[in-house]
Amino acid sequence: MENTGALKDIRVIELGQLIAGPFCGQLLGDMGAEVIKVEPPGQGDPMRNWGRGDDKLWWEVVARNKKAVSANLRIAQGQELVRKLIATADILIENFKPGTIEKWGLGPDVLQAINPKLIIVRVSGYGQTGPYSSRAGFGGIGEAMGGWRYIVGDPDRAPSRMGVSIGDTLAATYGCMGALAALHARETTGKGQIVDSSLYESVLQVMESVVPEYHWSGYIRERSGSFLPGIAPSNVYQCKDGEYLIGANQDAVWARLATAMGQPELAKDPRYVDHVSRGRNQIELDARINEWTKTLTVDELEELMIEYSIPAGKMYRAPEMLADPHFAARNSIIDVETERWGKLKMQNAFPKLSDTPSRVRTPAPSEVGQHNAEIYGGLLGMDESEIAALKAADAI
């Protein structure tokens, strides 16, 4: 497929593994960058065997639009090979424990001396500096430290997990944003720089006013389950055949919901007449709305919400996504012809750019080192004997 992406002239070397580094590479690859994924010889990235269900399919998403080469970063030949690759690159992504790539002779001082224009995206649990920087950190730990885990779930239970690896993907997304900003700065300075994206700070960035609320008034947000404390009505309500989310917390929208309920007088009831009053009485208001929604099916309720222009929606799973006409009209889910699984449905590239659209151009490489000949032979100009010698030395 033709590369129409905004980053089609950018080369990325991805040294990371698992989620945060590879998801950053996925985002850049979707936007057109040439992403060369470096894996250890043998099993490769553990993501090749991650996923849910009988078949492990996560790799097919996170490794799309990438070329796979193998290199043993723990021996000198592999390190030298990767230095040669990085000399040709615009961006390097790594998400190892801080200090690891330095031990391999691949630290920023070495690499930027070889390639002054290189942008290095470093994703880690706690960042490259500070007293915790040397600690091991996974996404869930960053979510806890950044404040996310504490406020997710029901108040009478332990903090809940989001259901997806949000800490990792946030850190990857901020790493990608930093790389794009660094590319723009390079146009002026001619120099690359380091993007330091920590898991906990990436989570902290989306924590709204949690810190100033405590600093100013001592208020600590707590777990509230399915509703927003003090903001009503905004909750998941029961229907005859399922659940449905309604967000009618603005005064005019609440008045429309009361009318849809056949109880327009509720909009002027002193208990519910404005934002503060509804927040004060939201438990009884939610109970009243829930009694009404239980008399309707999900589809009947949705028809009313559309008719009265009330923000609301069904609780989607993968089956609902695949059957929904809006997903289809916007091409939100696409078919990708994969090497192992045949035609596989997955999320499309996003966001949508009008003039330089991002695309899924190639499937995830099915084999570790699948593109060794293309990259080492073509890009680096090595002949067959040199590549064979590297293989004999367990360097690739």
Protein backbone atom coordinates (compact mmCIF):
# COMPACT_ATOMS: atom_id res chain seq x y z
CA MET A 1 0.00 0.00 0.00
CA GLU A 2 1.23 3.51 -0.84
CA ASN A 3 2.74 5.45 2.04
CA THR A 4 0.81 8.73 2.28
CA GLY A 5 1.72 9.45 5.88
CA ALA A 6 3.06 12.71 7.20
CA LEU A 7 6.24 10.98 8.47
CA LYS A 8 7.07 8.98 5.35
CA ASP A 9 10.59 10.48 5.18
CA ILE A 10 11.38 9.63 8.83
CA ARG A 11 13.25 6.51 9.94
CA VAL A 12 12.70 5.09 13.44
CA ILE A 13 14.75 2.43 15.20
CA GLU A 14 12.72 0.69 17.90
CA LEU A 15 14.74 -1.04 20.61
CA GLY A 16 11.90 -1.28 23.11
CA GLN A 17 9.83 -4.30 23.99
CA LEU A 18 6.48 -5.18 25.56
CA ILE A 19 4.02 -2.26 25.42
CA ALA A 20 5.24 1.30 25.97
CA GLY A 21 8.13 1.45 23.48
CA PRO A 22 6.39 -0.62 20.78
CA PHE A 23 3.15 1.37 21.04
CA CYS A 24 5.14 4.57 20.47
CA GLY A 25 6.62 2.87 17.39
CA GLN A 26 3.15 1.82 16.26
CA LEU A 27 1.92 5.41 16.40
CA LEU A 28 4.89 6.73 14.41
CA GLY A 29 4.62 3.88 11.92
CA ASP A 30 0.92 4.49 11.38
CA MET A 31 1.81 8.10 10.55
CA GLY A 32 4.15 6.93 7.81
CA ALA A 33 7.53 6.54 9.49
CA GLU A 34 9.76 3.63 8.47
CA VAL A 35 10.02 1.71 11.74
CA ILE A 36 12.78 -0.87 12.08
CA LYS A 37 12.02 -3.11 15.03
CA VAL A 38 15.13 -4.62 16.65
CA GLU A 39 14.52 -7.87 18.54
CA PRO A 40 16.84 -10.30 20.30
CA PRO A 41 17.56 -13.38 18.18
CA GLY A 42 15.36 -16.35 18.96
CA GLN A 43 12.02 -15.61 20.61
CA GLY A 44 12.04 -11.87 19.93
CA ASP A 45 9.76 -9.41 21.69
CA PRO A 46 7.53 -11.08 24.33
CA MET A 47 4.61 -9.24 22.72
CA ARG A 48 4.62 -11.91 20.03
CA ASN A 49 2.98 -14.18 22.61
CA TRP A 50 0.68 -11.70 24.39
CA GLY A 51 -3.07 -11.33 24.12
CA ARG A 52 -6.30 -12.88 25.39
CA GLY A 53 -8.22 -15.90 24.22
CA ASP A 54 -6.88 -19.00 22.54
CA ASP A 55 -4.76 -17.14 19.98
CA LYS A 56 -2.36 -14.33 20.86
CA LEU A 57 -3.07 -11.44 18.48
CA TRP A 58 -1.76 -8.30 20.21
CA TRP A 59 1.45 -8.45 18.17
CA GLU A 60 -0.55 -8.02 14.95
CA VAL A 61 -1.63 -4.55 16.11
CA VAL A 62 1.45 -3.27 17.92
CA ALA A 63 3.93 -4.45 15.25
CA ARG A 64 2.05 -3.38 12.13
CA ASN A 65 3.89 -1.06 9.74
CA LYS A 66 7.24 -2.31 11.08
CA LYS A 67 10.22 -4.19 9.66
CA ALA A 68 11.79 -6.78 11.93
CA VAL A 69 15.53 -7.29 12.31
CA SER A 70 17.39 -9.25 14.95
CA ALA A 71 20.43 -8.10 16.92
CA ASN A 72 21.99 -9.32 20.14
CA LEU A 73 22.55 -6.15 22.13
CA ARG A 74 24.52 -8.01 24.79
CA ILE A 75 27.53 -8.67 22.58
CA ALA A 76 29.86 -6.29 20.79
CA GLN A 77 28.96 -7.33 17.24
CA GLY A 78 25.27 -6.76 17.85
CA GLN A 79 25.91 -3.40 19.51
CA GLU A 80 28.06 -2.21 16.62
CA LEU A 81 25.42 -3.35 14.14
CA VAL A 82 22.74 -1.32 15.92
CA ARG A 83 25.01 1.72 16.10
CA LYS A 84 25.28 1.56 12.31
CA LEU A 85 21.50 1.40 12.01
CA ILE A 86 21.03 4.31 14.39
CA ALA A 87 23.50 6.40 12.38
CA THR A 88 20.92 6.38 9.55
CA ALA A 89 17.89 7.16 11.76
CA ASP A 90 15.89 10.18 12.80
CA ILE A 91 14.37 8.70 15.96
CA LEU A 92 15.38 5.98 18.41
CA ILE A 93 12.81 4.49 20.80
CA GLU A 94 13.85 2.53 23.88
CA ASN A 95 12.00 1.55 27.04
CA PHE A 96 14.60 -0.34 29.01
CA LYS A 97 15.45 0.37 32.64
CA PRO A 98 17.52 3.59 32.79
CA GLY A 99 21.20 2.87 32.38
CA THR A 100 20.69 -0.28 30.32
CA ILE A 101 21.49 1.08 26.87
CA GLU A 102 24.47 2.93 28.37
CA LYS A 103 25.87 -0.46 29.50
CA TRP A 104 25.49 -1.66 25.91
CA GLY A 105 27.51 1.26 24.54
CA LEU A 106 24.33 2.83 23.13
CA GLY A 107 23.92 5.79 25.48
CA PRO A 108 22.78 9.18 24.17
CA ASP A 109 26.31 10.64 24.34
CA VAL A 110 27.63 7.89 22.08
CA LEU A 111 24.70 7.88 19.67
CA GLN A 112 24.38 11.64 19.28
CA ALA A 113 28.11 11.89 18.63
CA ILE A 114 27.53 9.47 15.74
CA ASN A 115 24.27 11.11 14.67
CA PRO A 116 23.80 14.68 16.03
CA LYS A 117 20.31 14.89 14.51
CA LEU A 118 19.08 11.83 16.42
CA ILE A 119 16.00 12.16 18.62
CA ILE A 120 15.99 9.60 21.44
CA VAL A 121 12.65 8.69 23.01
CA ARG A 122 13.26 7.11 26.41
CA VAL A 123 10.22 5.60 28.11
CA SER A 124 10.64 4.34 31.67
CA GLY A 125 8.76 3.88 34.90
CA TYR A 126 10.11 6.87 36.82
CA GLY A 127 12.09 8.88 34.26
CA GLN A 128 15.81 9.13 33.60
CA THR A 129 16.59 11.18 36.72
CA GLY A 130 15.49 11.30 40.36
CA PRO A 131 15.87 8.91 43.31
CA TYR A 132 13.51 6.29 41.85
CA SER A 133 14.93 6.25 38.33
CA SER A 134 16.81 2.98 38.80
CA ARG A 135 13.73 1.10 40.04
CA ALA A 136 11.92 -1.38 37.83
CA GLY A 137 8.56 -0.01 36.72
CA PHE A 138 5.61 -1.40 34.80
CA GLY A 139 2.48 0.40 33.62
CA GLY A 140 0.36 -0.53 36.63
CA ILE A 141 2.98 0.89 39.00
CA GLY A 142 2.97 4.16 37.06
CA GLU A 143 -0.82 4.23 37.21
CA ALA A 144 -0.67 3.84 40.99
CA MET A 145 2.02 6.48 41.52
CA GLY A 146 0.41 8.90 39.08
CA GLY A 147 -2.87 8.77 41.02
CA TRP A 148 -5.03 6.83 38.56
CA ARG A 149 -5.46 3.49 40.31
CA TYR A 150 -6.61 5.01 43.61
CA ILE A 151 -9.69 6.65 42.09
CA VAL A 152 -10.81 3.79 39.81
CA GLY A 153 -13.47 1.37 41.02
CA ASP A 154 -16.16 1.21 43.69
CA PRO A 155 -15.54 2.87 47.06
CA ASP A 156 -16.13 -0.33 49.05
CA ARG A 157 -13.58 -2.34 47.09
CA ALA A 158 -9.87 -2.26 46.31
CA PRO A 159 -8.74 0.03 43.48
CA SER A 160 -9.51 -1.42 40.05
CA ARG A 161 -7.49 -1.82 36.91
CA MET A 162 -8.66 0.14 33.87
CA GLY A 163 -8.97 -2.99 31.73
CA VAL A 164 -6.29 -1.91 29.25
CA SER A 165 -2.65 -0.96 29.80
CA ILE A 166 -3.39 2.74 30.03
CA GLY A 167 -0.16 3.72 31.83
CA ASP A 168 1.98 2.19 29.12
CA THR A 169 -0.01 3.62 26.24
CA LEU A 170 -0.13 7.09 27.78
CA ALA A 171 3.65 7.09 28.24
CA ALA A 172 4.03 5.89 24.64
CA THR A 173 1.68 8.58 23.38
CA TYR A 174 3.53 11.33 25.25
CA GLY A 175 6.78 9.89 23.92
CA CYS A 176 5.38 10.14 20.40
CA MET A 177 4.22 13.71 21.01
CA GLY A 178 7.67 14.59 22.31
CA ALA A 179 9.29 13.07 19.24
CA LEU A 180 7.08 15.11 16.93
CA ALA A 181 7.90 18.30 18.87
CA ALA A 182 11.61 17.44 18.72
CA LEU A 183 11.38 16.91 14.96
CA HIS A 184 9.92 20.39 14.61
CA ALA A 185 12.62 21.90 16.85
CA ARG A 186 15.29 20.14 14.78
CA GLU A 187 14.16 22.10 11.73
CA THR A 188 15.45 25.23 13.48
CA THR A 189 18.40 23.92 15.49
CA GLY A 190 19.58 21.07 13.27
CA LYS A 191 20.08 19.01 16.43
CA GLY A 192 18.28 16.10 18.00
CA GLN A 193 17.39 15.82 21.67
CA ILE A 194 16.21 13.38 24.34
CA VAL A 195 12.51 12.84 25.06
CA ASP A 196 12.14 11.60 28.65
CA SER A 197 8.66 10.07 29.06
CA SER A 198 7.98 8.41 32.41
CA LEU A 199 4.98 6.21 33.13
CA TYR A 200 3.96 7.99 36.33
CA GLU A 201 4.21 11.52 34.89
CA SER A 202 2.24 10.50 31.79
CA VAL A 203 -0.58 9.37 34.08
CA LEU A 204 -0.17 12.50 36.21
CA GLN A 205 -0.78 14.65 33.11
CA VAL A 206 -4.36 13.37 32.76
CA MET A 207 -5.28 13.65 36.45
CA GLU A 208 -7.22 16.88 35.92
CA SER A 209 -7.29 19.05 39.09
CA VAL A 210 -6.47 16.31 41.62
CA VAL A 211 -3.30 18.04 42.87
CA PRO A 212 -4.53 21.67 43.10
CA GLU A 213 -7.79 20.51 44.75
CA TYR A 214 -5.78 18.96 47.55
CA HIS A 215 -3.24 21.77 47.73
CA TRP A 216 -5.85 24.50 47.98
CA SER A 217 -8.58 22.91 50.07
CA GLY A 218 -7.34 19.54 51.28
CA TYR A 219 -9.85 17.69 49.11
CA ILE A 220 -8.83 14.14 48.11
CA ARG A 221 -10.72 12.44 45.31
CA GLU A 222 -12.02 9.01 46.18
CA ARG A 223 -13.39 6.07 44.19
CA SER A 224 -16.98 6.67 43.17
CA GLY A 225 -17.82 3.74 40.91
CA SER A 226 -19.87 4.53 37.84
CA PHE A 227 -20.86 8.14 38.57
CA LEU A 228 -19.13 11.51 38.82
CA PRO A 229 -19.52 12.90 42.36
CA GLY A 230 -21.43 16.17 42.33
CA ILE A 231 -22.18 15.97 38.60
CA ALA A 232 -25.64 14.66 37.86
CA PRO A 233 -27.20 12.99 36.13
CA SER A 234 -24.24 11.18 34.60
CA ASN A 235 -24.25 7.45 35.14
CA VAL A 236 -24.89 3.99 33.76
CA TYR A 237 -28.54 3.00 34.09
CA GLN A 238 -30.29 -0.36 33.90
CA CYS A 239 -32.68 -1.25 31.07
CA LYS A 240 -34.80 -4.33 30.48
CA ASP A 241 -32.03 -5.92 28.44
CA GLY A 242 -28.80 -4.24 29.40
CA GLU A 243 -27.08 -1.07 30.55
CA TYR A 244 -26.99 2.42 29.05
CA LEU A 245 -24.89 5.50 29.74
CA ILE A 246 -26.56 8.91 30.00
CA GLY A 247 -24.74 12.21 30.51
CA ALA A 248 -27.38 14.89 31.11
CA ASN A 249 -25.66 16.98 33.77
CA GLN A 250 -25.97 20.38 32.05
CA ASP A 251 -29.14 22.30 33.01
CA ALA A 252 -30.74 22.49 29.57
CA VAL A 253 -29.90 18.85 28.81
CA TRP A 254 -31.35 17.75 32.14
CA ALA A 255 -34.56 19.59 31.30
CA ARG A 256 -34.77 17.64 28.03
CA LEU A 257 -34.20 14.36 29.87
CA ALA A 258 -36.97 15.19 32.34
CA THR A 259 -39.29 15.82 29.39
CA ALA A 260 -38.25 12.55 27.75
CA MET A 261 -39.10 10.81 31.02
CA GLY A 262 -42.61 12.29 30.86
CA GLN A 263 -41.84 14.29 34.02
CA PRO A 264 -40.93 17.80 32.82
CA GLU A 265 -41.73 19.22 36.26
CA LEU A 266 -38.56 17.57 37.64
CA ALA A 267 -36.44 20.16 35.84
CA LYS A 268 -37.87 22.86 38.10
CA ASP A 269 -37.94 20.76 41.27
CA PRO A 270 -35.78 22.57 43.88
CA ARG A 271 -33.88 19.33 44.47
CA TYR A 272 -32.76 19.17 40.83
CA VAL A 273 -33.16 22.67 39.44
CA ASP A 274 -29.46 23.43 38.97
CA HIS A 275 -26.02 21.83 38.92
CA VAL A 276 -25.35 22.25 42.64
CA SER A 277 -28.77 20.96 43.69
CA ARG A 278 -28.55 17.90 41.44
CA GLY A 279 -25.06 17.15 42.74
CA ARG A 280 -26.30 17.35 46.31
CA ASN A 281 -29.16 14.96 45.56
CA GLN A 282 -27.62 12.82 42.86
CA ILE A 283 -28.13 9.44 44.55
CA GLU A 284 -31.89 9.86 44.76
CA LEU A 285 -31.96 11.42 41.26
CA ASP A 286 -30.05 8.49 39.81
CA ALA A 287 -32.44 6.07 41.53
CA ARG A 288 -35.41 7.92 40.04
CA ILE A 289 -33.91 7.82 36.53
CA ASN A 290 -32.97 4.16 36.93
CA GLU A 291 -36.56 3.23 37.82
CA TRP A 292 -37.65 4.83 34.56
CA THR A 293 -34.94 3.29 32.36
CA LYS A 294 -35.78 -0.19 33.69
CA THR A 295 -39.13 0.07 31.92
CA LEU A 296 -37.40 0.37 28.51
CA THR A 297 -35.12 -1.70 26.33
CA VAL A 298 -31.72 -0.29 25.41
CA ASP A 299 -32.91 0.43 21.85
CA GLU A 300 -36.09 2.15 23.05
CA LEU A 301 -34.09 4.32 25.42
CA GLU A 302 -31.58 5.21 22.72
CA GLU A 303 -34.36 6.33 20.38
CA LEU A 304 -35.61 8.73 23.05
CA MET A 305 -32.10 10.06 23.76
CA ILE A 306 -31.58 10.79 20.07
CA GLU A 307 -35.02 12.38 19.75
CA TYR A 308 -34.40 14.72 22.70
CA SER A 309 -30.72 15.37 21.81
CA ILE A 310 -29.30 13.98 25.04
CA PRO A 311 -25.66 12.76 25.14
CA ALA A 312 -25.94 9.03 25.73
CA GLY A 313 -24.69 5.73 24.41
CA LYS A 314 -24.61 1.97 24.56
CA MET A 315 -21.90 0.03 26.34
CA TYR A 316 -19.85 -1.27 23.42
CA ARG A 317 -17.79 -4.44 23.23
CA ALA A 318 -16.02 -5.77 20.14
CA PRO A 319 -19.22 -7.34 18.71
CA GLU A 320 -21.07 -4.02 18.90
CA MET A 321 -18.14 -2.17 17.33
CA LEU A 322 -18.04 -4.55 14.38
CA ALA A 323 -21.79 -4.24 13.82
CA ASP A 324 -22.07 -0.47 14.18
CA PRO A 325 -22.72 1.60 11.01
CA HIS A 326 -20.82 4.63 12.34
CA PHE A 327 -17.65 2.56 12.81
CA ALA A 328 -18.14 1.29 9.25
CA ALA A 329 -18.79 4.73 7.75
CA ARG A 330 -15.63 6.17 9.27
CA ASN A 331 -13.56 3.06 8.54
CA SER A 332 -12.65 2.88 12.22
CA ILE A 333 -12.02 -0.85 11.97
CA ILE A 334 -10.23 -2.32 8.97
CA ASP A 335 -9.23 -5.69 7.56
CA VAL A 336 -5.49 -6.36 7.52
CA GLU A 337 -4.14 -9.30 5.56
CA THR A 338 -1.74 -10.92 8.03
CA GLU A 339 0.87 -13.54 7.30
CA ARG A 340 -0.25 -15.97 10.00
CA TRP A 341 -3.97 -15.37 10.52
CA GLY A 342 -5.22 -14.30 7.12
CA LYS A 343 -7.61 -11.36 7.08
CA LEU A 344 -7.78 -9.87 10.58
CA LYS A 345 -9.93 -7.00 11.82
CA MET A 346 -8.29 -4.33 13.95
CA GLN A 347 -8.49 -0.61 14.73
CA ASN A 348 -7.47 1.71 11.91
CA ALA A 349 -4.70 4.29 12.14
CA PHE A 350 -5.72 7.42 14.04
CA PRO A 351 -5.99 10.44 14.15
CA LYS A 352 -7.29 11.19 10.67
CA LEU A 353 -5.28 13.69 8.63
CA SER A 354 -6.96 15.19 5.58
CA ASP A 355 -3.91 15.62 3.33
CA THR A 356 -1.38 13.07 4.61
CA PRO A 357 -3.54 10.21 5.89
CA SER A 358 -2.07 7.57 8.17
CA ARG A 359 -2.56 3.96 7.10
CA VAL A 360 -1.86 0.37 7.99
CA ARG A 361 0.42 -0.40 5.08
CA THR A 362 1.98 -3.69 6.11
CA PRO A 363 1.12 -6.47 8.58
CA ALA A 364 3.23 -7.28 11.61
CA PRO A 365 6.31 -9.32 10.68
CA SER A 366 5.68 -12.97 11.48
CA GLU A 367 9.32 -13.96 11.99
CA VAL A 368 12.11 -12.58 14.18
CA GLY A 369 14.72 -11.06 11.84
CA GLN A 370 12.34 -11.27 8.89
CA HIS A 371 13.87 -8.20 7.24
CA ASN A 372 17.53 -8.82 8.09
CA ALA A 373 18.53 -9.19 4.45
CA GLU A 374 16.60 -6.10 3.36
CA ILE A 375 17.90 -3.84 6.13
CA TYR A 376 21.42 -5.13 6.72
CA GLY A 377 22.03 -5.94 3.08
CA GLY A 378 20.16 -3.03 1.52
CA LEU A 379 20.30 -0.15 4.00
CA LEU A 380 23.72 -0.94 5.49
CA GLY A 381 25.18 -2.46 2.31
CA MET A 382 26.45 -5.68 3.88
CA ASP A 383 27.13 -8.63 1.64
CA GLU A 384 25.92 -12.18 2.26
CA SER A 385 29.18 -13.29 3.85
CA GLU A 386 29.09 -10.46 6.40
CA ILE A 387 25.50 -11.28 7.34
CA ALA A 388 26.38 -14.97 7.59
CA ALA A 389 29.31 -14.15 9.90
CA LEU A 390 27.01 -12.15 12.19
CA LYS A 391 24.63 -15.07 12.31
CA ALA A 392 27.43 -17.50 13.11
CA ALA A 393 28.52 -15.24 15.98
CA ASP A 394 24.95 -15.19 17.37
CA ALA A 395 24.88 -11.43 16.77
CA ILE A 396 21.64 -11.66 14.74
